[in-house]
Amino acid sequence: MERIFQRIPTISVSPFAFLLSYYYIHWYRQDSFTAFAQYNLSACLSAI
């Protein structure tokens, strides 16, 4: 998982948006981690 977290901010995805979405889901929606994973996959696919 750490490798994915390190790769995402380096592509076209904004690091601030990434961190905001991470903290929002981590603190307010801990039960929807799968949605966060899908967000990461879609971000990676769109950047490729």
PDB file of N, CA and C in Angstrom:
ATOM      1  N   MET A   1       0.832  -1.201   0.000  1.00  0.00           N
ATOM      2  CA  MET A   1       0.000   0.000   0.000  1.00  0.00           C
ATOM      3  C   MET A   1       0.870   1.255   0.000  1.00  0.00           C
ATOM      4  N   GLU A   2       2.000   1.227   0.682  1.00  0.00           N
ATOM      5  CA  GLU A   2       2.852   2.414   0.742  1.00  0.00           C
ATOM      6  C   GLU A   2       3.375   2.788  -0.643  1.00  0.00           C
ATOM      7  N   ARG A   3       3.624   1.775  -1.464  1.00  0.00           N
ATOM      8  CA  ARG A   3       4.111   2.057  -2.813  1.00  0.00           C
ATOM      9  C   ARG A   3       3.064   2.831  -3.612  1.00  0.00           C
ATOM     10  N   ILE A   4       1.805   2.447  -3.455  1.00  0.00           N
ATOM     11  CA  ILE A   4       0.721   3.139  -4.165  1.00  0.00           C
ATOM     12  C   ILE A   4       0.628   4.580  -3.664  1.00  0.00           C
ATOM     13  N   PHE A   5       0.734   4.766  -2.361  1.00  0.00           N
ATOM     14  CA  PHE A   5       0.623   6.106  -1.792  1.00  0.00           C
ATOM     15  C   PHE A   5       1.764   6.995  -2.269  1.00  0.00           C
ATOM     16  N   GLN A   6       2.929   6.411  -2.501  1.00  0.00           N
ATOM     17  CA  GLN A   6       4.076   7.200  -2.935  1.00  0.00           C
ATOM     18  C   GLN A   6       3.981   7.545  -4.418  1.00  0.00           C
ATOM     19  N   ARG A   7       3.316   6.701  -5.192  1.00  0.00           N
ATOM     20  CA  ARG A   7       3.262   6.929  -6.633  1.00  0.00           C
ATOM     21  C   ARG A   7       2.203   7.951  -7.011  1.00  0.00           C
ATOM     22  N   ILE A   8       1.076   7.939  -6.321  1.00  0.00           N
ATOM     23  CA  ILE A   8      -0.051   8.782  -6.724  1.00  0.00           C
ATOM     24  C   ILE A   8       0.277  10.286  -6.722  1.00  0.00           C
ATOM     25  N   PRO A   9       0.902  10.830  -5.655  1.00  0.00           N
ATOM     26  CA  PRO A   9       1.173  12.269  -5.664  1.00  0.00           C
ATOM     27  C   PRO A   9       2.160  12.679  -6.752  1.00  0.00           C
ATOM     28  N   THR A  10       2.947  11.745  -7.266  1.00  0.00           N
ATOM     29  CA  THR A  10       3.959  12.094  -8.255  1.00  0.00           C
ATOM     30  C   THR A  10       3.358  12.231  -9.648  1.00  0.00           C
ATOM     31  N   ILE A  11       2.167  11.653  -9.866  1.00  0.00           N
ATOM     32  CA  ILE A  11       1.546  11.809 -11.176  1.00  0.00           C
ATOM     33  C   ILE A  11       0.700  13.078 -11.206  1.00  0.00           C
ATOM     34  N   SER A  12      -0.158  13.185 -12.174  1.00  0.00           N
ATOM     35  CA  SER A  12      -0.905  14.415 -12.394  1.00  0.00           C
ATOM     36  C   SER A  12      -1.901  14.708 -11.270  1.00  0.00           C
ATOM     37  N   VAL A  13      -2.136  13.754 -10.388  1.00  0.00           N
ATOM     38  CA  VAL A  13      -3.079  13.976  -9.299  1.00  0.00           C
ATOM     39  C   VAL A  13      -2.489  14.945  -8.279  1.00  0.00           C
ATOM     40  N   SER A  14      -3.292  15.881  -7.854  1.00  0.00           N
ATOM     41  CA  SER A  14      -2.810  16.877  -6.904  1.00  0.00           C
ATOM     42  C   SER A  14      -2.578  16.251  -5.529  1.00  0.00           C
ATOM     43  N   PRO A  15      -1.406  16.461  -4.940  1.00  0.00           N
ATOM     44  CA  PRO A  15      -1.121  15.904  -3.611  1.00  0.00           C
ATOM     45  C   PRO A  15      -2.096  16.428  -2.552  1.00  0.00           C
ATOM     46  N   PHE A  16      -2.514  17.671  -2.696  1.00  0.00           N
ATOM     47  CA  PHE A  16      -3.436  18.237  -1.713  1.00  0.00           C
ATOM     48  C   PHE A  16      -4.794  17.546  -1.786  1.00  0.00           C
ATOM     49  N   ALA A  17      -5.282  17.332  -3.001  1.00  0.00           N
ATOM     50  CA  ALA A  17      -6.561  16.650  -3.165  1.00  0.00           C
ATOM     51  C   ALA A  17      -6.461  15.210  -2.652  1.00  0.00           C
ATOM     52  N   PHE A  18      -5.299  14.604  -2.885  1.00  0.00           N
ATOM     53  CA  PHE A  18      -5.079  13.231  -2.417  1.00  0.00           C
ATOM     54  C   PHE A  18      -5.115  13.177  -0.888  1.00  0.00           C
ATOM     55  N   LEU A  19      -4.418  14.101  -0.249  1.00  0.00           N
ATOM     56  CA  LEU A  19      -4.374  14.117   1.210  1.00  0.00           C
ATOM     57  C   LEU A  19      -5.736  14.447   1.797  1.00  0.00           C
ATOM     58  N   LEU A  20      -6.435  15.392   1.196  1.00  0.00           N
ATOM     59  CA  LEU A  20      -7.759  15.757   1.698  1.00  0.00           C
ATOM     60  C   LEU A  20      -8.714  14.585   1.617  1.00  0.00           C
ATOM     61  N   SER A  21      -8.707  13.887   0.485  1.00  0.00           N
ATOM     62  CA  SER A  21      -9.593  12.739   0.332  1.00  0.00           C
ATOM     63  C   SER A  21      -9.195  11.622   1.294  1.00  0.00           C
ATOM     64  N   TYR A  22      -7.880  11.480   1.522  1.00  0.00           N
ATOM     65  CA  TYR A  22      -7.413  10.432   2.423  1.00  0.00           C
ATOM     66  C   TYR A  22      -7.876  10.698   3.854  1.00  0.00           C
ATOM     67  N   TYR A  23      -7.653  11.929   4.321  1.00  0.00           N
ATOM     68  CA  TYR A  23      -8.025  12.247   5.699  1.00  0.00           C
ATOM     69  C   TYR A  23      -9.535  12.251   5.876  1.00  0.00           C
ATOM     70  N   TYR A  24     -10.266  12.705   4.860  1.00  0.00           N
ATOM     71  CA  TYR A  24     -11.726  12.720   4.954  1.00  0.00           C
ATOM     72  C   TYR A  24     -12.269  11.312   5.128  1.00  0.00           C
ATOM     73  N   ILE A  25     -11.781  10.397   4.287  1.00  0.00           N
ATOM     74  CA  ILE A  25     -12.269   9.022   4.359  1.00  0.00           C
ATOM     75  C   ILE A  25     -11.748   8.332   5.617  1.00  0.00           C
ATOM     76  N   HIS A  26     -10.512   8.661   6.010  1.00  0.00           N
ATOM     77  CA  HIS A  26      -9.919   8.003   7.169  1.00  0.00           C
ATOM     78  C   HIS A  26     -10.640   8.396   8.458  1.00  0.00           C
ATOM     79  N   TRP A  27     -11.004   9.655   8.585  1.00  0.00           N
ATOM     80  CA  TRP A  27     -11.600  10.130   9.838  1.00  0.00           C
ATOM     81  C   TRP A  27     -13.124  10.032   9.822  1.00  0.00           C
ATOM     82  N   TYR A  28     -13.753  10.303   8.676  1.00  0.00           N
ATOM     83  CA  TYR A  28     -15.211  10.394   8.657  1.00  0.00           C
ATOM     84  C   TYR A  28     -15.879   9.172   8.040  1.00  0.00           C
ATOM     85  N   ARG A  29     -15.148   8.469   7.185  1.00  0.00           N
ATOM     86  CA  ARG A  29     -15.755   7.300   6.535  1.00  0.00           C
ATOM     87  C   ARG A  29     -14.784   6.120   6.574  1.00  0.00           C
ATOM     88  N   GLN A  30     -14.480   5.662   7.773  1.00  0.00           N
ATOM     89  CA  GLN A  30     -13.532   4.569   7.927  1.00  0.00           C
ATOM     90  C   GLN A  30     -14.099   3.258   7.377  1.00  0.00           C
ATOM     91  N   ASP A  31     -15.428   3.195   7.234  1.00  0.00           N
ATOM     92  CA  ASP A  31     -16.039   1.945   6.782  1.00  0.00           C
ATOM     93  C   ASP A  31     -16.024   1.831   5.265  1.00  0.00           C
ATOM     94  N   SER A  32     -15.620   2.899   4.564  1.00  0.00           N
ATOM     95  CA  SER A  32     -15.640   2.850   3.101  1.00  0.00           C
ATOM     96  C   SER A  32     -14.228   2.938   2.546  1.00  0.00           C
ATOM     97  N   PHE A  33     -13.355   2.086   3.062  1.00  0.00           N
ATOM     98  CA  PHE A  33     -11.969   2.073   2.569  1.00  0.00           C
ATOM     99  C   PHE A  33     -11.908   1.563   1.133  1.00  0.00           C
ATOM    100  N   THR A  34     -12.856   0.723   0.766  1.00  0.00           N
ATOM    101  CA  THR A  34     -12.875   0.190  -0.597  1.00  0.00           C
ATOM    102  C   THR A  34     -13.127   1.315  -1.595  1.00  0.00           C
ATOM    103  N   ALA A  35     -13.946   2.285  -1.213  1.00  0.00           N
ATOM    104  CA  ALA A  35     -14.201   3.432  -2.090  1.00  0.00           C
ATOM    105  C   ALA A  35     -12.911   4.229  -2.286  1.00  0.00           C
ATOM    106  N   PHE A  36     -12.100   4.323  -1.231  1.00  0.00           N
ATOM    107  CA  PHE A  36     -10.826   5.024  -1.334  1.00  0.00           C
ATOM    108  C   PHE A  36      -9.880   4.272  -2.255  1.00  0.00           C
ATOM    109  N   ALA A  37      -9.901   2.952  -2.188  1.00  0.00           N
ATOM    110  CA  ALA A  37      -9.054   2.153  -3.061  1.00  0.00           C
ATOM    111  C   ALA A  37      -9.491   2.299  -4.520  1.00  0.00           C
ATOM    112  N   GLN A  38     -10.795   2.323  -4.749  1.00  0.00           N
ATOM    113  CA  GLN A  38     -11.298   2.506  -6.107  1.00  0.00           C
ATOM    114  C   GLN A  38     -10.916   3.888  -6.631  1.00  0.00           C
ATOM    115  N   TYR A  39     -10.897   4.880  -5.745  1.00  0.00           N
ATOM    116  CA  TYR A  39     -10.495   6.233  -6.150  1.00  0.00           C
ATOM    117  C   TYR A  39      -9.034   6.240  -6.581  1.00  0.00           C
ATOM    118  N   ASN A  40      -8.205   5.499  -5.856  1.00  0.00           N
ATOM    119  CA  ASN A  40      -6.788   5.425  -6.210  1.00  0.00           C
ATOM    120  C   ASN A  40      -6.603   4.736  -7.559  1.00  0.00           C
ATOM    121  N   LEU A  41      -7.328   3.650  -7.776  1.00  0.00           N
ATOM    122  CA  LEU A  41      -7.205   2.923  -9.038  1.00  0.00           C
ATOM    123  C   LEU A  41      -7.646   3.794 -10.210  1.00  0.00           C
ATOM    124  N   SER A  42      -8.756   4.500 -10.038  1.00  0.00           N
ATOM    125  CA  SER A  42      -9.241   5.354 -11.120  1.00  0.00           C
ATOM    126  C   SER A  42      -8.271   6.493 -11.387  1.00  0.00           C
ATOM    127  N   ALA A  43      -7.634   6.998 -10.337  1.00  0.00           N
ATOM    128  CA  ALA A  43      -6.667   8.084 -10.504  1.00  0.00           C
ATOM    129  C   ALA A  43      -5.431   7.582 -11.256  1.00  0.00           C
ATOM    130  N   CYS A  44      -4.984   6.380 -10.922  1.00  0.00           N
ATOM    131  CA  CYS A  44      -3.818   5.814 -11.603  1.00  0.00           C
ATOM    132  C   CYS A  44      -4.132   5.529 -13.062  1.00  0.00           C
ATOM    133  N   LEU A  45      -5.295   4.968 -13.328  1.00  0.00           N
ATOM    134  CA  LEU A  45      -5.661   4.631 -14.697  1.00  0.00           C
ATOM    135  C   LEU A  45      -5.820   5.886 -15.550  1.00  0.00           C
ATOM    136  N   SER A  46      -6.368   6.943 -14.961  1.00  0.00           N
ATOM    137  CA  SER A  46      -6.568   8.171 -15.725  1.00  0.00           C
ATOM    138  C   SER A  46      -5.243   8.868 -15.996  1.00  0.00           C
ATOM    139  N   ALA A  47      -4.247   8.624 -15.144  1.00  0.00           N
ATOM    140  CA  ALA A  47      -2.957   9.288 -15.320  1.00  0.00           C
ATOM    141  C   ALA A  47      -2.078   8.560 -16.331  1.00  0.00           C
ATOM    142  N   ILE A  48      -2.376   7.288 -16.551  1.00  0.00           N
ATOM    143  CA  ILE A  48      -1.537   6.509 -17.481  1.00  0.00           C
ATOM    144  C   ILE A  48      -1.814   6.890 -18.934  1.00  0.00           C
TER     145      ILE A  48
END
